Amino acid sequence: MSAELVSAVAELIAEVRDLAERISHLEAAGPAPAQPPRTAWRVSEVAKSTGISYDQVIAMIKAGEIGHVPAGRLYIVPDEELRAFLARGRRLAVAS
């Protein structure tokens, strides 16, 4: 083997050992702390999680179908309001 190849392999082995040591430290630290539950959602997140288009979510907010908190030019949907909206939809689906 050439000296360059031996040097490259030695560097690679050193990097792998360094990564293994970092992984070992992370495993010893235990799992990451749990994130607190979400209390509010952006319109784009409501749209993505419900499968309703962004524009339709905005229209429903403006029509009062989904409660919100205005934040400047943004709409923030509290988690309770999203859950209430989804619960109303379930009741309508069951009644049909």
N, C-alpha and C. Protein backbone atom coordinates (compact mmCIF):
# COMPACT_ATOMS: atom_id res chain seq x y z
N MET A 1 0.85 -1.18 0.00
CA MET A 1 0.00 0.00 0.00
C MET A 1 0.89 1.24 0.00
N SER A 2 0.36 2.27 -0.63
CA SER A 2 1.11 3.52 -0.68
C SER A 2 0.97 4.26 0.65
N ALA A 3 1.87 5.16 0.89
CA ALA A 3 1.86 5.94 2.14
C ALA A 3 0.59 6.78 2.23
N GLU A 4 0.12 7.31 1.10
CA GLU A 4 -1.10 8.12 1.09
C GLU A 4 -2.32 7.28 1.50
N LEU A 5 -2.39 6.08 0.99
CA LEU A 5 -3.51 5.20 1.31
C LEU A 5 -3.48 4.82 2.79
N VAL A 6 -2.31 4.49 3.30
CA VAL A 6 -2.17 4.14 4.71
C VAL A 6 -2.60 5.31 5.58
N SER A 7 -2.21 6.53 5.20
CA SER A 7 -2.57 7.73 5.95
C SER A 7 -4.08 7.96 5.91
N ALA A 8 -4.68 7.78 4.74
CA ALA A 8 -6.13 7.97 4.60
C ALA A 8 -6.90 6.95 5.43
N VAL A 9 -6.44 5.70 5.44
CA VAL A 9 -7.10 4.65 6.23
C VAL A 9 -6.96 4.97 7.72
N ALA A 10 -5.78 5.43 8.13
CA ALA A 10 -5.56 5.78 9.54
C ALA A 10 -6.49 6.93 9.95
N GLU A 11 -6.67 7.94 9.09
CA GLU A 11 -7.58 9.04 9.39
C GLU A 11 -9.01 8.55 9.49
N LEU A 12 -9.40 7.67 8.60
CA LEU A 12 -10.75 7.12 8.62
C LEU A 12 -11.00 6.33 9.90
N ILE A 13 -10.04 5.52 10.31
CA ILE A 13 -10.17 4.75 11.55
C ILE A 13 -10.30 5.69 12.74
N ALA A 14 -9.52 6.76 12.77
CA ALA A 14 -9.59 7.73 13.86
C ALA A 14 -10.97 8.39 13.91
N GLU A 15 -11.54 8.73 12.74
CA GLU A 15 -12.87 9.34 12.69
C GLU A 15 -13.94 8.37 13.15
N VAL A 16 -13.83 7.12 12.76
CA VAL A 16 -14.80 6.11 13.18
C VAL A 16 -14.74 5.94 14.70
N ARG A 17 -13.54 5.90 15.26
CA ARG A 17 -13.40 5.79 16.72
C ARG A 17 -14.01 7.00 17.42
N ASP A 18 -13.77 8.20 16.86
CA ASP A 18 -14.34 9.41 17.43
C ASP A 18 -15.86 9.35 17.41
N LEU A 19 -16.43 8.93 16.30
CA LEU A 19 -17.90 8.79 16.20
C LEU A 19 -18.42 7.76 17.19
N ALA A 20 -17.73 6.65 17.32
CA ALA A 20 -18.14 5.61 18.26
C ALA A 20 -18.13 6.15 19.69
N GLU A 21 -17.14 6.97 20.01
CA GLU A 21 -17.06 7.56 21.34
C GLU A 21 -18.21 8.54 21.57
N ARG A 22 -18.51 9.34 20.56
CA ARG A 22 -19.64 10.27 20.67
C ARG A 22 -20.96 9.53 20.86
N ILE A 23 -21.15 8.46 20.11
CA ILE A 23 -22.37 7.66 20.24
C ILE A 23 -22.45 7.07 21.63
N SER A 24 -21.34 6.59 22.14
CA SER A 24 -21.30 6.02 23.48
C SER A 24 -21.71 7.06 24.53
N HIS A 25 -21.24 8.31 24.38
CA HIS A 25 -21.61 9.38 25.31
C HIS A 25 -23.11 9.69 25.21
N LEU A 26 -23.63 9.72 23.99
CA LEU A 26 -25.06 9.98 23.82
C LEU A 26 -25.91 8.88 24.44
N GLU A 27 -25.51 7.64 24.24
CA GLU A 27 -26.26 6.52 24.82
C GLU A 27 -26.20 6.56 26.33
N ALA A 28 -25.06 6.95 26.90
CA ALA A 28 -24.92 7.03 28.35
C ALA A 28 -25.78 8.15 28.93
N ALA A 29 -26.01 9.19 28.13
CA ALA A 29 -26.81 10.32 28.60
C ALA A 29 -28.29 9.96 28.69
N GLY A 30 -28.70 8.91 28.03
CA GLY A 30 -30.10 8.49 28.07
C GLY A 30 -30.92 9.19 27.00
N PRO A 31 -32.21 8.91 26.98
CA PRO A 31 -33.08 9.49 25.95
C PRO A 31 -33.22 11.00 26.14
N ALA A 32 -33.49 11.68 25.05
CA ALA A 32 -33.71 13.12 25.10
C ALA A 32 -34.97 13.41 25.91
N PRO A 33 -35.00 14.53 26.61
CA PRO A 33 -36.20 14.86 27.39
C PRO A 33 -37.41 15.01 26.47
N ALA A 34 -38.55 14.58 26.96
CA ALA A 34 -39.78 14.66 26.17
C ALA A 34 -40.15 16.12 25.93
N GLN A 35 -40.62 16.39 24.74
CA GLN A 35 -41.07 17.73 24.40
C GLN A 35 -42.43 17.97 25.06
N PRO A 36 -42.68 19.19 25.53
CA PRO A 36 -44.00 19.47 26.10
C PRO A 36 -45.05 19.37 25.00
N PRO A 37 -46.28 19.04 25.36
CA PRO A 37 -47.33 18.93 24.33
C PRO A 37 -47.57 20.28 23.67
N ARG A 38 -47.94 20.23 22.41
CA ARG A 38 -48.22 21.46 21.67
C ARG A 38 -49.49 22.09 22.21
N THR A 39 -49.51 23.41 22.26
CA THR A 39 -50.70 24.12 22.72
C THR A 39 -51.33 24.95 21.62
N ALA A 40 -50.62 25.12 20.50
CA ALA A 40 -51.16 25.92 19.40
C ALA A 40 -50.50 25.50 18.10
N TRP A 41 -51.18 25.83 16.99
CA TRP A 41 -50.74 25.39 15.67
C TRP A 41 -50.82 26.54 14.68
N ARG A 42 -49.90 26.57 13.72
CA ARG A 42 -49.98 27.52 12.61
C ARG A 42 -50.99 26.96 11.60
N VAL A 43 -51.51 27.84 10.77
CA VAL A 43 -52.50 27.43 9.77
C VAL A 43 -51.93 26.34 8.87
N SER A 44 -50.67 26.48 8.46
CA SER A 44 -50.06 25.46 7.60
C SER A 44 -50.01 24.10 8.29
N GLU A 45 -49.79 24.08 9.61
CA GLU A 45 -49.76 22.83 10.35
C GLU A 45 -51.15 22.22 10.46
N VAL A 46 -52.16 23.07 10.67
CA VAL A 46 -53.55 22.59 10.70
C VAL A 46 -53.90 21.97 9.35
N ALA A 47 -53.54 22.66 8.28
CA ALA A 47 -53.84 22.17 6.94
C ALA A 47 -53.17 20.82 6.70
N LYS A 48 -51.90 20.73 7.03
CA LYS A 48 -51.16 19.49 6.79
C LYS A 48 -51.71 18.33 7.63
N SER A 49 -52.02 18.60 8.89
CA SER A 49 -52.46 17.51 9.77
C SER A 49 -53.89 17.05 9.48
N THR A 50 -54.71 17.93 8.92
CA THR A 50 -56.10 17.55 8.65
C THR A 50 -56.35 17.16 7.21
N GLY A 51 -55.43 17.53 6.32
CA GLY A 51 -55.64 17.25 4.90
C GLY A 51 -56.52 18.27 4.22
N ILE A 52 -56.83 19.36 4.94
CA ILE A 52 -57.62 20.45 4.36
C ILE A 52 -56.64 21.45 3.77
N SER A 53 -56.97 22.05 2.66
CA SER A 53 -56.04 23.00 2.03
C SER A 53 -55.85 24.22 2.93
N TYR A 54 -54.71 24.85 2.75
CA TYR A 54 -54.37 26.05 3.52
C TYR A 54 -55.45 27.12 3.33
N ASP A 55 -55.85 27.35 2.07
CA ASP A 55 -56.86 28.38 1.79
C ASP A 55 -58.19 28.04 2.44
N GLN A 56 -58.55 26.76 2.47
CA GLN A 56 -59.81 26.35 3.09
C GLN A 56 -59.74 26.55 4.61
N VAL A 57 -58.60 26.27 5.22
CA VAL A 57 -58.46 26.49 6.66
C VAL A 57 -58.62 27.98 6.96
N ILE A 58 -58.00 28.84 6.15
CA ILE A 58 -58.15 30.29 6.33
C ILE A 58 -59.62 30.68 6.22
N ALA A 59 -60.31 30.15 5.21
CA ALA A 59 -61.73 30.47 5.01
C ALA A 59 -62.55 30.01 6.21
N MET A 60 -62.24 28.84 6.75
CA MET A 60 -62.98 28.33 7.91
C MET A 60 -62.70 29.17 9.15
N ILE A 61 -61.48 29.65 9.30
CA ILE A 61 -61.16 30.54 10.42
C ILE A 61 -61.96 31.83 10.29
N LYS A 62 -61.95 32.42 9.08
CA LYS A 62 -62.68 33.68 8.86
C LYS A 62 -64.18 33.50 9.04
N ALA A 63 -64.69 32.30 8.75
CA ALA A 63 -66.13 32.02 8.91
C ALA A 63 -66.48 31.66 10.35
N GLY A 64 -65.49 31.54 11.21
CA GLY A 64 -65.74 31.22 12.61
C GLY A 64 -65.89 29.73 12.88
N GLU A 65 -65.58 28.90 11.91
CA GLU A 65 -65.71 27.46 12.10
C GLU A 65 -64.56 26.87 12.93
N ILE A 66 -63.42 27.53 12.87
CA ILE A 66 -62.26 27.12 13.66
C ILE A 66 -61.83 28.32 14.48
N GLY A 67 -61.80 28.16 15.79
CA GLY A 67 -61.37 29.25 16.65
C GLY A 67 -59.89 29.54 16.46
N HIS A 68 -59.52 30.79 16.69
CA HIS A 68 -58.13 31.18 16.48
C HIS A 68 -57.77 32.36 17.37
N VAL A 69 -56.50 32.65 17.41
CA VAL A 69 -55.98 33.83 18.08
C VAL A 69 -55.21 34.61 17.03
N PRO A 70 -55.58 35.86 16.78
CA PRO A 70 -54.82 36.63 15.81
C PRO A 70 -53.45 37.00 16.39
N ALA A 71 -52.44 36.88 15.58
CA ALA A 71 -51.08 37.25 15.99
C ALA A 71 -50.50 38.08 14.86
N GLY A 72 -50.80 39.37 14.88
CA GLY A 72 -50.40 40.22 13.77
C GLY A 72 -51.18 39.82 12.54
N ARG A 73 -50.45 39.47 11.49
CA ARG A 73 -51.11 39.02 10.25
C ARG A 73 -51.31 37.51 10.23
N LEU A 74 -50.91 36.84 11.29
CA LEU A 74 -51.01 35.38 11.35
C LEU A 74 -52.24 34.96 12.15
N TYR A 75 -52.64 33.73 11.93
CA TYR A 75 -53.68 33.11 12.74
C TYR A 75 -53.04 31.94 13.47
N ILE A 76 -53.24 31.89 14.77
CA ILE A 76 -52.75 30.77 15.57
C ILE A 76 -53.98 30.01 16.05
N VAL A 77 -53.99 28.71 15.85
CA VAL A 77 -55.13 27.89 16.25
C VAL A 77 -54.75 27.14 17.53
N PRO A 78 -55.39 27.50 18.66
CA PRO A 78 -55.12 26.78 19.90
C PRO A 78 -55.50 25.30 19.75
N ASP A 79 -54.77 24.46 20.42
CA ASP A 79 -55.01 23.02 20.33
C ASP A 79 -56.45 22.67 20.70
N GLU A 80 -56.99 23.33 21.73
CA GLU A 80 -58.38 23.04 22.13
C GLU A 80 -59.36 23.33 21.00
N GLU A 81 -59.10 24.40 20.26
CA GLU A 81 -59.99 24.76 19.15
C GLU A 81 -59.89 23.75 18.02
N LEU A 82 -58.69 23.30 17.73
CA LEU A 82 -58.52 22.28 16.69
C LEU A 82 -59.22 20.99 17.10
N ARG A 83 -59.03 20.58 18.34
CA ARG A 83 -59.69 19.36 18.83
C ARG A 83 -61.22 19.50 18.79
N ALA A 84 -61.73 20.67 19.17
CA ALA A 84 -63.18 20.89 19.14
C ALA A 84 -63.70 20.82 17.70
N PHE A 85 -62.97 21.43 16.77
CA PHE A 85 -63.37 21.38 15.36
C PHE A 85 -63.41 19.94 14.87
N LEU A 86 -62.36 19.18 15.19
CA LEU A 86 -62.31 17.78 14.75
C LEU A 86 -63.41 16.96 15.40
N ALA A 87 -63.72 17.23 16.66
CA ALA A 87 -64.80 16.50 17.35
C ALA A 87 -66.15 16.81 16.71
N ARG A 88 -66.38 18.07 16.32
CA ARG A 88 -67.64 18.41 15.65
C ARG A 88 -67.75 17.64 14.34
N GLY A 89 -66.68 17.50 13.62
CA GLY A 89 -66.68 16.75 12.37
C GLY A 89 -67.00 15.29 12.58
N ARG A 90 -66.48 14.71 13.64
CA ARG A 90 -66.76 13.30 13.94
C ARG A 90 -68.23 13.12 14.26
N ARG A 91 -68.80 14.06 15.04
CA ARG A 91 -70.21 13.94 15.39
C ARG A 91 -71.09 14.05 14.14
N LEU A 92 -70.71 14.94 13.22
CA LEU A 92 -71.47 15.08 11.98
C LEU A 92 -71.38 13.82 11.14
N ALA A 93 -70.19 13.21 11.09
CA ALA A 93 -70.00 11.99 10.30
C ALA A 93 -70.81 10.84 10.86
N VAL A 94 -70.87 10.75 12.19
CA VAL A 94 -71.61 9.67 12.83
C VAL A 94 -73.11 9.86 12.62
N ALA A 95 -73.58 11.11 12.66
CA ALA A 95 -75.01 11.40 12.51
C ALA A 95 -75.48 11.15 11.07
N SER A 96 -74.59 11.22 10.11
CA SER A 96 -74.99 11.06 8.70
C SER A 96 -75.41 9.66 8.37
